[in-house]
Amino acid sequence: MAALYLSFEPATVRAELARAAELQGDPEEAIYPVVLAEIAVDAEVVELVDPEVLADVGVETPLSVLVPRSQTQRVGSAAVRVGIEALVVPSVAARAENVVIFTENLVREIEVVREHRVSSPSRWP
């Protein structure tokens, strides 16, 4: 299953990257440099941000780092099977929302609007 895991705000991207580095046992600095890209995509989206909806699809709430990844991956796999293009989901790393785009289900192309190289944690826009 090919997916792009995106955030609406740069601060959420940074929080997600820092969490990923931590899970790998690396300091945040180890992931740099990174390229922050703004994209545009026209996709059919299903929002899974309401705790009741998350519980209905088998994801423990409140969503936290303690929720087994298998629960969210099962939802993602089901979304791909039924042709969903994108899901809006809560971030575990920040009080924000992310977008998971299932590239194999996209009808239209993704456009990269702009890119910005971030060389270190202190250089975020």
PDB file of N, CA and C in Angstrom:
ATOM      1  N   MET A   1       0.851  -1.167   0.000  1.00  0.00           N
ATOM      2  CA  MET A   1       0.000   0.000   0.000  1.00  0.00           C
ATOM      3  C   MET A   1       0.899   1.233   0.000  1.00  0.00           C
ATOM      4  N   ALA A   2       0.843   2.010  -1.072  1.00  0.00           N
ATOM      5  CA  ALA A   2       1.616   3.246  -1.167  1.00  0.00           C
ATOM      6  C   ALA A   2       0.789   4.394  -0.597  1.00  0.00           C
ATOM      7  N   ALA A   3       1.382   5.134   0.328  1.00  0.00           N
ATOM      8  CA  ALA A   3       0.663   6.248   0.948  1.00  0.00           C
ATOM      9  C   ALA A   3       1.615   7.401   1.210  1.00  0.00           C
ATOM     10  N   LEU A   4       1.089   8.599   1.087  1.00  0.00           N
ATOM     11  CA  LEU A   4       1.800   9.801   1.500  1.00  0.00           C
ATOM     12  C   LEU A   4       1.179  10.253   2.818  1.00  0.00           C
ATOM     13  N   TYR A   5       2.016  10.482   3.806  1.00  0.00           N
ATOM     14  CA  TYR A   5       1.563  10.913   5.122  1.00  0.00           C
ATOM     15  C   TYR A   5       1.929  12.381   5.249  1.00  0.00           C
ATOM     16  N   LEU A   6       0.927  13.258   5.241  1.00  0.00           N
ATOM     17  CA  LEU A   6       1.143  14.697   5.162  1.00  0.00           C
ATOM     18  C   LEU A   6       0.494  15.422   6.330  1.00  0.00           C
ATOM     19  N   SER A   7       0.950  16.652   6.544  1.00  0.00           N
ATOM     20  CA  SER A   7       0.368  17.498   7.582  1.00  0.00           C
ATOM     21  C   SER A   7      -0.048  18.825   6.973  1.00  0.00           C
ATOM     22  N   PHE A   8      -0.996  19.483   7.613  1.00  0.00           N
ATOM     23  CA  PHE A   8      -1.477  20.774   7.129  1.00  0.00           C
ATOM     24  C   PHE A   8      -0.526  21.921   7.475  1.00  0.00           C
ATOM     25  N   GLU A   9       0.207  21.798   8.570  1.00  0.00           N
ATOM     26  CA  GLU A   9       1.057  22.880   9.062  1.00  0.00           C
ATOM     27  C   GLU A   9       2.499  22.404   9.239  1.00  0.00           C
ATOM     28  N   PRO A  10       3.480  23.281   8.948  1.00  0.00           N
ATOM     29  CA  PRO A  10       4.877  22.912   9.138  1.00  0.00           C
ATOM     30  C   PRO A  10       5.208  22.449  10.563  1.00  0.00           C
ATOM     31  N   ALA A  11       4.589  23.059  11.564  1.00  0.00           N
ATOM     32  CA  ALA A  11       4.866  22.659  12.949  1.00  0.00           C
ATOM     33  C   ALA A  11       4.482  21.200  13.196  1.00  0.00           C
ATOM     34  N   THR A  12       3.407  20.757  12.561  1.00  0.00           N
ATOM     35  CA  THR A  12       2.991  19.356  12.708  1.00  0.00           C
ATOM     36  C   THR A  12       3.962  18.436  11.981  1.00  0.00           C
ATOM     37  N   VAL A  13       4.436  18.862  10.822  1.00  0.00           N
ATOM     38  CA  VAL A  13       5.446  18.079  10.098  1.00  0.00           C
ATOM     39  C   VAL A  13       6.662  17.878  10.994  1.00  0.00           C
ATOM     40  N   ARG A  14       7.122  18.958  11.605  1.00  0.00           N
ATOM     41  CA  ARG A  14       8.298  18.849  12.474  1.00  0.00           C
ATOM     42  C   ARG A  14       8.038  17.903  13.646  1.00  0.00           C
ATOM     43  N   ALA A  15       6.873  18.010  14.268  1.00  0.00           N
ATOM     44  CA  ALA A  15       6.546  17.121  15.389  1.00  0.00           C
ATOM     45  C   ALA A  15       6.523  15.662  14.941  1.00  0.00           C
ATOM     46  N   GLU A  16       5.961  15.400  13.762  1.00  0.00           N
ATOM     47  CA  GLU A  16       5.906  14.034  13.237  1.00  0.00           C
ATOM     48  C   GLU A  16       7.318  13.507  12.937  1.00  0.00           C
ATOM     49  N   LEU A  17       8.161  14.354  12.351  1.00  0.00           N
ATOM     50  CA  LEU A  17       9.535  13.935  12.055  1.00  0.00           C
ATOM     51  C   LEU A  17      10.323  13.666  13.334  1.00  0.00           C
ATOM     52  N   ALA A  18      10.157  14.527  14.337  1.00  0.00           N
ATOM     53  CA  ALA A  18      10.852  14.334  15.611  1.00  0.00           C
ATOM     54  C   ALA A  18      10.405  13.034  16.276  1.00  0.00           C
ATOM     55  N   ARG A  19       9.117  12.741  16.193  1.00  0.00           N
ATOM     56  CA  ARG A  19       8.606  11.489  16.769  1.00  0.00           C
ATOM     57  C   ARG A  19       9.170  10.285  16.024  1.00  0.00           C
ATOM     58  N   ALA A  20       9.232  10.373  14.695  1.00  0.00           N
ATOM     59  CA  ALA A  20       9.785   9.262  13.912  1.00  0.00           C
ATOM     60  C   ALA A  20      11.251   9.020  14.272  1.00  0.00           C
ATOM     61  N   ALA A  21      12.021  10.087  14.430  1.00  0.00           N
ATOM     62  CA  ALA A  21      13.428   9.948  14.821  1.00  0.00           C
ATOM     63  C   ALA A  21      13.530   9.288  16.191  1.00  0.00           C
ATOM     64  N   GLU A  22      12.685   9.731  17.121  1.00  0.00           N
ATOM     65  CA  GLU A  22      12.683   9.163  18.472  1.00  0.00           C
ATOM     66  C   GLU A  22      12.362   7.672  18.450  1.00  0.00           C
ATOM     67  N   LEU A  23      11.372   7.281  17.652  1.00  0.00           N
ATOM     68  CA  LEU A  23      11.009   5.860  17.556  1.00  0.00           C
ATOM     69  C   LEU A  23      12.150   5.014  17.002  1.00  0.00           C
ATOM     70  N   GLN A  24      13.005   5.628  16.182  1.00  0.00           N
ATOM     71  CA  GLN A  24      14.159   4.922  15.628  1.00  0.00           C
ATOM     72  C   GLN A  24      15.375   5.008  16.552  1.00  0.00           C
ATOM     73  N   GLY A  25      15.225   5.710  17.678  1.00  0.00           N
ATOM     74  CA  GLY A  25      16.326   5.847  18.627  1.00  0.00           C
ATOM     75  C   GLY A  25      17.339   6.898  18.227  1.00  0.00           C
ATOM     76  N   ASP A  26      16.951   7.815  17.336  1.00  0.00           N
ATOM     77  CA  ASP A  26      17.852   8.861  16.862  1.00  0.00           C
ATOM     78  C   ASP A  26      17.455  10.210  17.432  1.00  0.00           C
ATOM     79  N   PRO A  27      18.416  11.120  17.567  1.00  0.00           N
ATOM     80  CA  PRO A  27      18.053  12.493  17.940  1.00  0.00           C
ATOM     81  C   PRO A  27      17.391  13.170  16.744  1.00  0.00           C
ATOM     82  N   GLU A  28      16.600  14.197  17.000  1.00  0.00           N
ATOM     83  CA  GLU A  28      15.910  14.897  15.919  1.00  0.00           C
ATOM     84  C   GLU A  28      16.898  15.390  14.856  1.00  0.00           C
ATOM     85  N   GLU A  29      18.071  15.843  15.264  1.00  0.00           N
ATOM     86  CA  GLU A  29      19.061  16.380  14.328  1.00  0.00           C
ATOM     87  C   GLU A  29      19.487  15.365  13.273  1.00  0.00           C
ATOM     88  N   ALA A  30      19.349  14.074  13.570  1.00  0.00           N
ATOM     89  CA  ALA A  30      19.802  13.026  12.646  1.00  0.00           C
ATOM     90  C   ALA A  30      18.979  12.961  11.362  1.00  0.00           C
ATOM     91  N   ILE A  31      17.789  13.541  11.339  1.00  0.00           N
ATOM     92  CA  ILE A  31      16.935  13.436  10.151  1.00  0.00           C
ATOM     93  C   ILE A  31      17.167  14.560   9.147  1.00  0.00           C
ATOM     94  N   TYR A  32      18.012  15.516   9.508  1.00  0.00           N
ATOM     95  CA  TYR A  32      18.219  16.690   8.650  1.00  0.00           C
ATOM     96  C   TYR A  32      19.372  16.474   7.698  1.00  0.00           C
ATOM     97  N   PRO A  33      19.325  17.151   6.528  1.00  0.00           N
ATOM     98  CA  PRO A  33      18.314  18.091   6.067  1.00  0.00           C
ATOM     99  C   PRO A  33      17.064  17.369   5.575  1.00  0.00           C
ATOM    100  N   VAL A  34      15.944  18.105   5.574  1.00  0.00           N
ATOM    101  CA  VAL A  34      14.684  17.606   5.019  1.00  0.00           C
ATOM    102  C   VAL A  34      14.156  18.639   4.028  1.00  0.00           C
ATOM    103  N   VAL A  35      13.291  18.188   3.150  1.00  0.00           N
ATOM    104  CA  VAL A  35      12.647  19.096   2.210  1.00  0.00           C
ATOM    105  C   VAL A  35      11.173  19.181   2.581  1.00  0.00           C
ATOM    106  N   LEU A  36      10.740  20.372   2.895  1.00  0.00           N
ATOM    107  CA  LEU A  36       9.345  20.650   3.224  1.00  0.00           C
ATOM    108  C   LEU A  36       8.667  21.040   1.915  1.00  0.00           C
ATOM    109  N   ALA A  37       7.650  20.300   1.530  1.00  0.00           N
ATOM    110  CA  ALA A  37       6.977  20.567   0.256  1.00  0.00           C
ATOM    111  C   ALA A  37       5.520  20.913   0.506  1.00  0.00           C
ATOM    112  N   GLU A  38       5.054  21.906  -0.212  1.00  0.00           N
ATOM    113  CA  GLU A  38       3.629  22.240  -0.222  1.00  0.00           C
ATOM    114  C   GLU A  38       3.058  21.610  -1.484  1.00  0.00           C
ATOM    115  N   ILE A  39       1.979  20.847  -1.300  1.00  0.00           N
ATOM    116  CA  ILE A  39       1.381  20.186  -2.460  1.00  0.00           C
ATOM    117  C   ILE A  39      -0.069  20.612  -2.630  1.00  0.00           C
ATOM    118  N   ALA A  40      -0.564  20.408  -3.829  1.00  0.00           N
ATOM    119  CA  ALA A  40      -1.978  20.614  -4.125  1.00  0.00           C
ATOM    120  C   ALA A  40      -2.490  19.319  -4.727  1.00  0.00           C
ATOM    121  N   VAL A  41      -3.644  18.885  -4.231  1.00  0.00           N
ATOM    122  CA  VAL A  41      -4.247  17.669  -4.772  1.00  0.00           C
ATOM    123  C   VAL A  41      -5.757  17.778  -4.626  1.00  0.00           C
ATOM    124  N   ASP A  42      -6.455  17.321  -5.632  1.00  0.00           N
ATOM    125  CA  ASP A  42      -7.911  17.289  -5.607  1.00  0.00           C
ATOM    126  C   ASP A  42      -8.288  15.832  -5.376  1.00  0.00           C
ATOM    127  N   ALA A  43      -8.761  15.527  -4.175  1.00  0.00           N
ATOM    128  CA  ALA A  43      -9.039  14.134  -3.821  1.00  0.00           C
ATOM    129  C   ALA A  43     -10.329  14.027  -3.021  1.00  0.00           C
ATOM    130  N   GLU A  44     -10.959  12.880  -3.134  1.00  0.00           N
ATOM    131  CA  GLU A  44     -12.102  12.553  -2.278  1.00  0.00           C
ATOM    132  C   GLU A  44     -11.543  12.180  -0.908  1.00  0.00           C
ATOM    133  N   VAL A  45     -12.034  12.854   0.137  1.00  0.00           N
ATOM    134  CA  VAL A  45     -11.465  12.711   1.471  1.00  0.00           C
ATOM    135  C   VAL A  45     -12.517  12.196   2.446  1.00  0.00           C
ATOM    136  N   VAL A  46     -12.082  11.295   3.327  1.00  0.00           N
ATOM    137  CA  VAL A  46     -12.917  10.831   4.429  1.00  0.00           C
ATOM    138  C   VAL A  46     -12.248  11.311   5.714  1.00  0.00           C
ATOM    139  N   GLU A  47     -13.005  12.025   6.547  1.00  0.00           N
ATOM    140  CA  GLU A  47     -12.462  12.521   7.810  1.00  0.00           C
ATOM    141  C   GLU A  47     -12.679  11.505   8.920  1.00  0.00           C
ATOM    142  N   LEU A  48     -11.589  11.154   9.577  1.00  0.00           N
ATOM    143  CA  LEU A  48     -11.637  10.236  10.719  1.00  0.00           C
ATOM    144  C   LEU A  48     -11.046  10.940  11.943  1.00  0.00           C
ATOM    145  N   VAL A  49     -11.630  12.063  12.306  1.00  0.00           N
ATOM    146  CA  VAL A  49     -11.092  12.825  13.431  1.00  0.00           C
ATOM    147  C   VAL A  49     -11.986  12.780  14.667  1.00  0.00           C
ATOM    148  N   ASP A  50     -13.231  12.448  14.490  1.00  0.00           N
ATOM    149  CA  ASP A  50     -14.172  12.361  15.607  1.00  0.00           C
ATOM    150  C   ASP A  50     -13.875  11.090  16.409  1.00  0.00           C
ATOM    151  N   PRO A  51     -13.691  11.207  17.728  1.00  0.00           N
ATOM    152  CA  PRO A  51     -13.391  10.029  18.544  1.00  0.00           C
ATOM    153  C   PRO A  51     -14.426   8.908  18.404  1.00  0.00           C
ATOM    154  N   GLU A  52     -15.697   9.262  18.250  1.00  0.00           N
ATOM    155  CA  GLU A  52     -16.727   8.234  18.093  1.00  0.00           C
ATOM    156  C   GLU A  52     -16.565   7.480  16.776  1.00  0.00           C
ATOM    157  N   VAL A  53     -16.225   8.201  15.720  1.00  0.00           N
ATOM    158  CA  VAL A  53     -16.009   7.558  14.415  1.00  0.00           C
ATOM    159  C   VAL A  53     -14.775   6.658  14.484  1.00  0.00           C
ATOM    160  N   LEU A  54     -13.707   7.150  15.116  1.00  0.00           N
ATOM    161  CA  LEU A  54     -12.500   6.328  15.267  1.00  0.00           C
ATOM    162  C   LEU A  54     -12.829   5.043  16.023  1.00  0.00           C
ATOM    163  N   ALA A  55     -13.574   5.166  17.096  1.00  0.00           N
ATOM    164  CA  ALA A  55     -13.956   3.974  17.870  1.00  0.00           C
ATOM    165  C   ALA A  55     -14.811   3.029  17.030  1.00  0.00           C
ATOM    166  N   ASP A  56     -15.711   3.589  16.210  1.00  0.00           N
ATOM    167  CA  ASP A  56     -16.564   2.760  15.352  1.00  0.00           C
ATOM    168  C   ASP A  56     -15.766   1.928  14.348  1.00  0.00           C
ATOM    169  N   VAL A  57     -14.605   2.460  13.903  1.00  0.00           N
ATOM    170  CA  VAL A  57     -13.789   1.708  12.936  1.00  0.00           C
ATOM    171  C   VAL A  57     -12.684   0.897  13.611  1.00  0.00           C
ATOM    172  N   GLY A  58     -12.713   0.832  14.955  1.00  0.00           N
ATOM    173  CA  GLY A  58     -11.803  -0.050  15.674  1.00  0.00           C
ATOM    174  C   GLY A  58     -10.501   0.564  16.131  1.00  0.00           C
ATOM    175  N   VAL A  59     -10.452   1.900  16.253  1.00  0.00           N
ATOM    176  CA  VAL A  59      -9.246   2.571  16.739  1.00  0.00           C
ATOM    177  C   VAL A  59      -9.535   3.100  18.132  1.00  0.00           C
ATOM    178  N   GLU A  60      -8.681   2.705  19.095  1.00  0.00           N
ATOM    179  CA  GLU A  60      -8.861   3.153  20.475  1.00  0.00           C
ATOM    180  C   GLU A  60      -8.790   4.670  20.560  1.00  0.00           C
ATOM    181  N   THR A  61      -9.613   5.233  21.433  1.00  0.00           N
ATOM    182  CA  THR A  61      -9.556   6.666  21.684  1.00  0.00           C
ATOM    183  C   THR A  61      -9.430   6.890  23.185  1.00  0.00           C
ATOM    184  N   PRO A  62      -8.815   7.970  23.620  1.00  0.00           N
ATOM    185  CA  PRO A  62      -8.218   8.982  22.761  1.00  0.00           C
ATOM    186  C   PRO A  62      -6.985   8.426  22.051  1.00  0.00           C
ATOM    187  N   LEU A  63      -6.779   8.908  20.829  1.00  0.00           N
ATOM    188  CA  LEU A  63      -5.643   8.473  20.042  1.00  0.00           C
ATOM    189  C   LEU A  63      -4.365   8.971  20.702  1.00  0.00           C
ATOM    190  N   SER A  64      -3.429   8.060  20.921  1.00  0.00           N
ATOM    191  CA  SER A  64      -2.164   8.430  21.550  1.00  0.00           C
ATOM    192  C   SER A  64      -1.075   7.484  21.057  1.00  0.00           C
ATOM    193  N   VAL A  65       0.134   7.733  21.503  1.00  0.00           N
ATOM    194  CA  VAL A  65       1.251   6.879  21.116  1.00  0.00           C
ATOM    195  C   VAL A  65       1.077   5.453  21.645  1.00  0.00           C
ATOM    196  N   LEU A  66       0.159   5.257  22.571  1.00  0.00           N
ATOM    197  CA  LEU A  66      -0.076   3.933  23.137  1.00  0.00           C
ATOM    198  C   LEU A  66      -1.011   3.077  22.289  1.00  0.00           C
ATOM    199  N   VAL A  67      -1.716   3.683  21.354  1.00  0.00           N
ATOM    200  CA  VAL A  67      -2.628   2.937  20.483  1.00  0.00           C
ATOM    201  C   VAL A  67      -1.790   2.102  19.508  1.00  0.00           C
ATOM    202  N   PRO A  68      -2.035   0.805  19.456  1.00  0.00           N
ATOM    203  CA  PRO A  68      -1.256  -0.041  18.543  1.00  0.00           C
ATOM    204  C   PRO A  68      -1.376   0.414  17.087  1.00  0.00           C
ATOM    205  N   ARG A  69      -0.230   0.495  16.408  1.00  0.00           N
ATOM    206  CA  ARG A  69      -0.224   0.895  14.997  1.00  0.00           C
ATOM    207  C   ARG A  69      -1.088  -0.020  14.145  1.00  0.00           C
ATOM    208  N   SER A  70      -1.198  -1.263  14.547  1.00  0.00           N
ATOM    209  CA  SER A  70      -1.978  -2.223  13.759  1.00  0.00           C
ATOM    210  C   SER A  70      -3.425  -1.764  13.588  1.00  0.00           C
ATOM    211  N   GLN A  71      -3.978  -1.048  14.577  1.00  0.00           N
ATOM    212  CA  GLN A  71      -5.356  -0.568  14.467  1.00  0.00           C
ATOM    213  C   GLN A  71      -5.493   0.451  13.341  1.00  0.00           C
ATOM    214  N   THR A  72      -4.579   1.422  13.293  1.00  0.00           N
ATOM    215  CA  THR A  72      -4.671   2.454  12.261  1.00  0.00           C
ATOM    216  C   THR A  72      -4.282   1.894  10.890  1.00  0.00           C
ATOM    217  N   GLN A  73      -3.337   0.969  10.858  1.00  0.00           N
ATOM    218  CA  GLN A  73      -2.945   0.362   9.577  1.00  0.00           C
ATOM    219  C   GLN A  73      -4.081  -0.482   9.000  1.00  0.00           C
ATOM    220  N   ARG A  74      -4.846  -1.133   9.856  1.00  0.00           N
ATOM    221  CA  ARG A  74      -5.999  -1.918   9.400  1.00  0.00           C
ATOM    222  C   ARG A  74      -7.032  -1.004   8.737  1.00  0.00           C
ATOM    223  N   VAL A  75      -7.252   0.173   9.326  1.00  0.00           N
ATOM    224  CA  VAL A  75      -8.190   1.141   8.745  1.00  0.00           C
ATOM    225  C   VAL A  75      -7.658   1.624   7.396  1.00  0.00           C
ATOM    226  N   GLY A  76      -6.372   1.923   7.324  1.00  0.00           N
ATOM    227  CA  GLY A  76      -5.766   2.358   6.073  1.00  0.00           C
ATOM    228  C   GLY A  76      -5.874   1.301   4.986  1.00  0.00           C
ATOM    229  N   SER A  77      -5.619   0.064   5.327  1.00  0.00           N
ATOM    230  CA  SER A  77      -5.728  -1.028   4.346  1.00  0.00           C
ATOM    231  C   SER A  77      -7.153  -1.158   3.825  1.00  0.00           C
ATOM    232  N   ALA A  78      -8.122  -1.050   4.720  1.00  0.00           N
ATOM    233  CA  ALA A  78      -9.525  -1.127   4.299  1.00  0.00           C
ATOM    234  C   ALA A  78      -9.878   0.047   3.391  1.00  0.00           C
ATOM    235  N   ALA A  79      -9.364   1.243   3.705  1.00  0.00           N
ATOM    236  CA  ALA A  79      -9.625   2.423   2.883  1.00  0.00           C
ATOM    237  C   ALA A  79      -9.089   2.221   1.469  1.00  0.00           C
ATOM    238  N   VAL A  80      -7.906   1.654   1.359  1.00  0.00           N
ATOM    239  CA  VAL A  80      -7.327   1.391   0.035  1.00  0.00           C
ATOM    240  C   VAL A  80      -8.195   0.402  -0.733  1.00  0.00           C
ATOM    241  N   ARG A  81      -8.618  -0.659  -0.065  1.00  0.00           N
ATOM    242  CA  ARG A  81      -9.420  -1.702  -0.734  1.00  0.00           C
ATOM    243  C   ARG A  81     -10.727  -1.162  -1.301  1.00  0.00           C
ATOM    244  N   VAL A  82     -11.338  -0.200  -0.612  1.00  0.00           N
ATOM    245  CA  VAL A  82     -12.624   0.326  -1.091  1.00  0.00           C
ATOM    246  C   VAL A  82     -12.463   1.559  -1.973  1.00  0.00           C
ATOM    247  N   GLY A  83     -11.225   1.938  -2.278  1.00  0.00           N
ATOM    248  CA  GLY A  83     -10.979   3.013  -3.234  1.00  0.00           C
ATOM    249  C   GLY A  83     -10.921   4.420  -2.685  1.00  0.00           C
ATOM    250  N   ILE A  84     -10.838   4.571  -1.374  1.00  0.00           N
ATOM    251  CA  ILE A  84     -10.739   5.914  -0.785  1.00  0.00           C
ATOM    252  C   ILE A  84      -9.409   6.532  -1.183  1.00  0.00           C
ATOM    253  N   GLU A  85      -9.455   7.809  -1.575  1.00  0.00           N
ATOM    254  CA  GLU A  85      -8.248   8.500  -2.013  1.00  0.00           C
ATOM    255  C   GLU A  85      -7.440   9.078  -0.851  1.00  0.00           C
ATOM    256  N   ALA A  86      -8.121   9.564   0.186  1.00  0.00           N
ATOM    257  CA  ALA A  86      -7.408  10.211   1.285  1.00  0.00           C
ATOM    258  C   ALA A  86      -8.217  10.157   2.571  1.00  0.00           C
ATOM    259  N   LEU A  87      -7.504  10.131   3.691  1.00  0.00           N
ATOM    260  CA  LEU A  87      -8.108  10.187   5.020  1.00  0.00           C
ATOM    261  C   LEU A  87      -7.524  11.388   5.762  1.00  0.00           C
ATOM    262  N   VAL A  88      -8.370  12.121   6.467  1.00  0.00           N
ATOM    263  CA  VAL A  88      -7.902  13.127   7.414  1.00  0.00           C
ATOM    264  C   VAL A  88      -7.971  12.460   8.777  1.00  0.00           C
ATOM    265  N   VAL A  89      -6.830  12.458   9.475  1.00  0.00           N
ATOM    266  CA  VAL A  89      -6.708  11.730  10.735  1.00  0.00           C
ATOM    267  C   VAL A  89      -6.038  12.608  11.793  1.00  0.00           C
ATOM    268  N   PRO A  90      -6.261  12.307  13.066  1.00  0.00           N
ATOM    269  CA  PRO A  90      -5.570  13.061  14.111  1.00  0.00           C
ATOM    270  C   PRO A  90      -4.080  12.723  14.116  1.00  0.00           C
ATOM    271  N   SER A  91      -3.277  13.705  14.468  1.00  0.00           N
ATOM    272  CA  SER A  91      -1.848  13.473  14.670  1.00  0.00           C
ATOM    273  C   SER A  91      -1.638  12.952  16.075  1.00  0.00           C
ATOM    274  N   VAL A  92      -0.737  12.000  16.226  1.00  0.00           N
ATOM    275  CA  VAL A  92      -0.362  11.530  17.553  1.00  0.00           C
ATOM    276  C   VAL A  92       0.746  12.423  18.113  1.00  0.00           C
ATOM    277  N   ALA A  93       1.514  13.049  17.230  1.00  0.00           N
ATOM    278  CA  ALA A  93       2.674  13.836  17.640  1.00  0.00           C
ATOM    279  C   ALA A  93       2.337  15.276  18.017  1.00  0.00           C
ATOM    280  N   ALA A  94       1.170  15.759  17.609  1.00  0.00           N
ATOM    281  CA  ALA A  94       0.801  17.155  17.870  1.00  0.00           C
ATOM    282  C   ALA A  94      -0.716  17.260  17.953  1.00  0.00           C
ATOM    283  N   ARG A  95      -1.199  18.348  18.510  1.00  0.00           N
ATOM    284  CA  ARG A  95      -2.651  18.591  18.549  1.00  0.00           C
ATOM    285  C   ARG A  95      -3.044  19.175  17.205  1.00  0.00           C
ATOM    286  N   ALA A  96      -3.133  18.295  16.207  1.00  0.00           N
ATOM    287  CA  ALA A  96      -3.370  18.733  14.831  1.00  0.00           C
ATOM    288  C   ALA A  96      -3.912  17.549  14.035  1.00  0.00           C
ATOM    289  N   GLU A  97      -4.127  17.795  12.761  1.00  0.00           N
ATOM    290  CA  GLU A  97      -4.615  16.737  11.873  1.00  0.00           C
ATOM    291  C   GLU A  97      -3.624  16.511  10.736  1.00  0.00           C
ATOM    292  N   ASN A  98      -3.600  15.287  10.253  1.00  0.00           N
ATOM    293  CA  ASN A  98      -2.766  14.893   9.128  1.00  0.00           C
ATOM    294  C   ASN A  98      -3.657  14.378   8.014  1.00  0.00           C
ATOM    295  N   VAL A  99      -3.057  14.210   6.846  1.00  0.00           N
ATOM    296  CA  VAL A  99      -3.756  13.636   5.698  1.00  0.00           C
ATOM    297  C   VAL A  99      -2.937  12.449   5.211  1.00  0.00           C
ATOM    298  N   VAL A 100      -3.616  11.339   5.011  1.00  0.00           N
ATOM    299  CA  VAL A 100      -2.978  10.169   4.412  1.00  0.00           C
ATOM    300  C   VAL A 100      -3.567  10.036   3.010  1.00  0.00           C
ATOM    301  N   ILE A 101      -2.700  10.149   2.001  1.00  0.00           N
ATOM    302  CA  ILE A 101      -3.143  10.029   0.615  1.00  0.00           C
ATOM    303  C   ILE A 101      -2.720   8.675   0.081  1.00  0.00           C
ATOM    304  N   PHE A 102      -3.680   7.932  -0.434  1.00  0.00           N
ATOM    305  CA  PHE A 102      -3.405   6.614  -1.012  1.00  0.00           C
ATOM    306  C   PHE A 102      -3.193   6.805  -2.508  1.00  0.00           C
ATOM    307  N   THR A 103      -1.944   6.873  -2.898  1.00  0.00           N
ATOM    308  CA  THR A 103      -1.586   7.275  -4.259  1.00  0.00           C
ATOM    309  C   THR A 103      -2.161   6.356  -5.328  1.00  0.00           C
ATOM    310  N   GLU A 104      -2.295   5.074  -5.041  1.00  0.00           N
ATOM    311  CA  GLU A 104      -2.831   4.152  -6.057  1.00  0.00           C
ATOM    312  C   GLU A 104      -4.309   4.391  -6.342  1.00  0.00           C
ATOM    313  N   ASN A 105      -5.005   5.090  -5.447  1.00  0.00           N
ATOM    314  CA  ASN A 105      -6.432   5.365  -5.640  1.00  0.00           C
ATOM    315  C   ASN A 105      -6.703   6.760  -6.210  1.00  0.00           C
ATOM    316  N   LEU A 106      -5.669   7.588  -6.307  1.00  0.00           N
ATOM    317  CA  LEU A 106      -5.875   8.954  -6.798  1.00  0.00           C
ATOM    318  C   LEU A 106      -6.309   8.966  -8.258  1.00  0.00           C
ATOM    319  N   VAL A 107      -7.304   9.786  -8.538  1.00  0.00           N
ATOM    320  CA  VAL A 107      -7.778   9.957  -9.914  1.00  0.00           C
ATOM    321  C   VAL A 107      -6.972  11.075 -10.589  1.00  0.00           C
ATOM    322  N   ARG A 108      -6.634  12.122  -9.817  1.00  0.00           N
ATOM    323  CA  ARG A 108      -5.904  13.258 -10.371  1.00  0.00           C
ATOM    324  C   ARG A 108      -4.473  13.289  -9.833  1.00  0.00           C
ATOM    325  N   GLU A 109      -3.620  14.004 -10.530  1.00  0.00           N
ATOM    326  CA  GLU A 109      -2.204  14.109 -10.170  1.00  0.00           C
ATOM    327  C   GLU A 109      -1.981  15.017  -8.953  1.00  0.00           C
ATOM    328  N   ILE A 110      -0.906  14.745  -8.242  1.00  0.00           N
ATOM    329  CA  ILE A 110      -0.451  15.615  -7.158  1.00  0.00           C
ATOM    330  C   ILE A 110       0.479  16.652  -7.765  1.00  0.00           C
ATOM    331  N   GLU A 111       0.305  17.909  -7.355  1.00  0.00           N
ATOM    332  CA  GLU A 111       1.167  18.988  -7.842  1.00  0.00           C
ATOM    333  C   GLU A 111       2.014  19.510  -6.681  1.00  0.00           C
ATOM    334  N   VAL A 112       3.321  19.557  -6.878  1.00  0.00           N
ATOM    335  CA  VAL A 112       4.202  20.180  -5.893  1.00  0.00           C
ATOM    336  C   VAL A 112       4.202  21.678  -6.184  1.00  0.00           C
ATOM    337  N   VAL A 113       3.684  22.445  -5.229  1.00  0.00           N
ATOM    338  CA  VAL A 113       3.541  23.889  -5.399  1.00  0.00           C
ATOM    339  C   VAL A 113       4.859  24.599  -5.110  1.00  0.00           C
ATOM    340  N   ARG A 114       5.513  24.203  -4.004  1.00  0.00           N
ATOM    341  CA  ARG A 114       6.822  24.776  -3.664  1.00  0.00           C
ATOM    342  C   ARG A 114       7.538  23.845  -2.707  1.00  0.00           C
ATOM    343  N   GLU A 115       8.840  23.999  -2.679  1.00  0.00           N
ATOM    344  CA  GLU A 115       9.692  23.221  -1.778  1.00  0.00           C
ATOM    345  C   GLU A 115      10.608  24.161  -1.010  1.00  0.00           C
ATOM    346  N   HIS A 116      10.933  23.742   0.217  1.00  0.00           N
ATOM    347  CA  HIS A 116      11.820  24.531   1.066  1.00  0.00           C
ATOM    348  C   HIS A 116      12.739  23.558   1.806  1.00  0.00           C
ATOM    349  N   ARG A 117      14.040  23.722   1.629  1.00  0.00           N
ATOM    350  CA  ARG A 117      15.001  22.857   2.320  1.00  0.00           C
ATOM    351  C   ARG A 117      15.178  23.362   3.752  1.00  0.00           C
ATOM    352  N   VAL A 118      15.042  22.459   4.708  1.00  0.00           N
ATOM    353  CA  VAL A 118      15.241  22.785   6.120  1.00  0.00           C
ATOM    354  C   VAL A 118      16.511  22.063   6.557  1.00  0.00           C
ATOM    355  N   SER A 119      17.537  22.829   6.913  1.00  0.00           N
ATOM    356  CA  SER A 119      18.847  22.239   7.180  1.00  0.00           C
ATOM    357  C   SER A 119      19.042  21.758   8.617  1.00  0.00           C
ATOM    358  N   SER A 120      18.234  22.280   9.549  1.00  0.00           N
ATOM    359  CA  SER A 120      18.397  21.876  10.963  1.00  0.00           C
ATOM    360  C   SER A 120      17.119  22.221  11.726  1.00  0.00           C
ATOM    361  N   PRO A 121      16.965  21.684  12.942  1.00  0.00           N
ATOM    362  CA  PRO A 121      15.751  21.983  13.726  1.00  0.00           C
ATOM    363  C   PRO A 121      15.533  23.473  13.967  1.00  0.00           C
ATOM    364  N   SER A 122      16.583  24.253  14.006  1.00  0.00           N
ATOM    365  CA  SER A 122      16.434  25.686  14.275  1.00  0.00           C
ATOM    366  C   SER A 122      16.069  26.492  13.026  1.00  0.00           C
ATOM    367  N   ARG A 123      15.970  25.842  11.875  1.00  0.00           N
ATOM    368  CA  ARG A 123      15.745  26.553  10.606  1.00  0.00           C
ATOM    369  C   ARG A 123      14.337  26.382  10.048  1.00  0.00           C
ATOM    370  N   TRP A 124      13.376  25.980  10.865  1.00  0.00           N
ATOM    371  CA  TRP A 124      12.004  25.789  10.382  1.00  0.00           C
ATOM    372  C   TRP A 124      11.357  27.121  10.060  1.00  0.00           C
ATOM    373  N   PRO A 125      10.556  27.162   8.994  1.00  0.00           N
ATOM    374  CA  PRO A 125       9.884  28.421   8.628  1.00  0.00           C
ATOM    375  C   PRO A 125       8.799  28.806   9.626  1.00  0.00           C
TER     376      PRO A 125
END
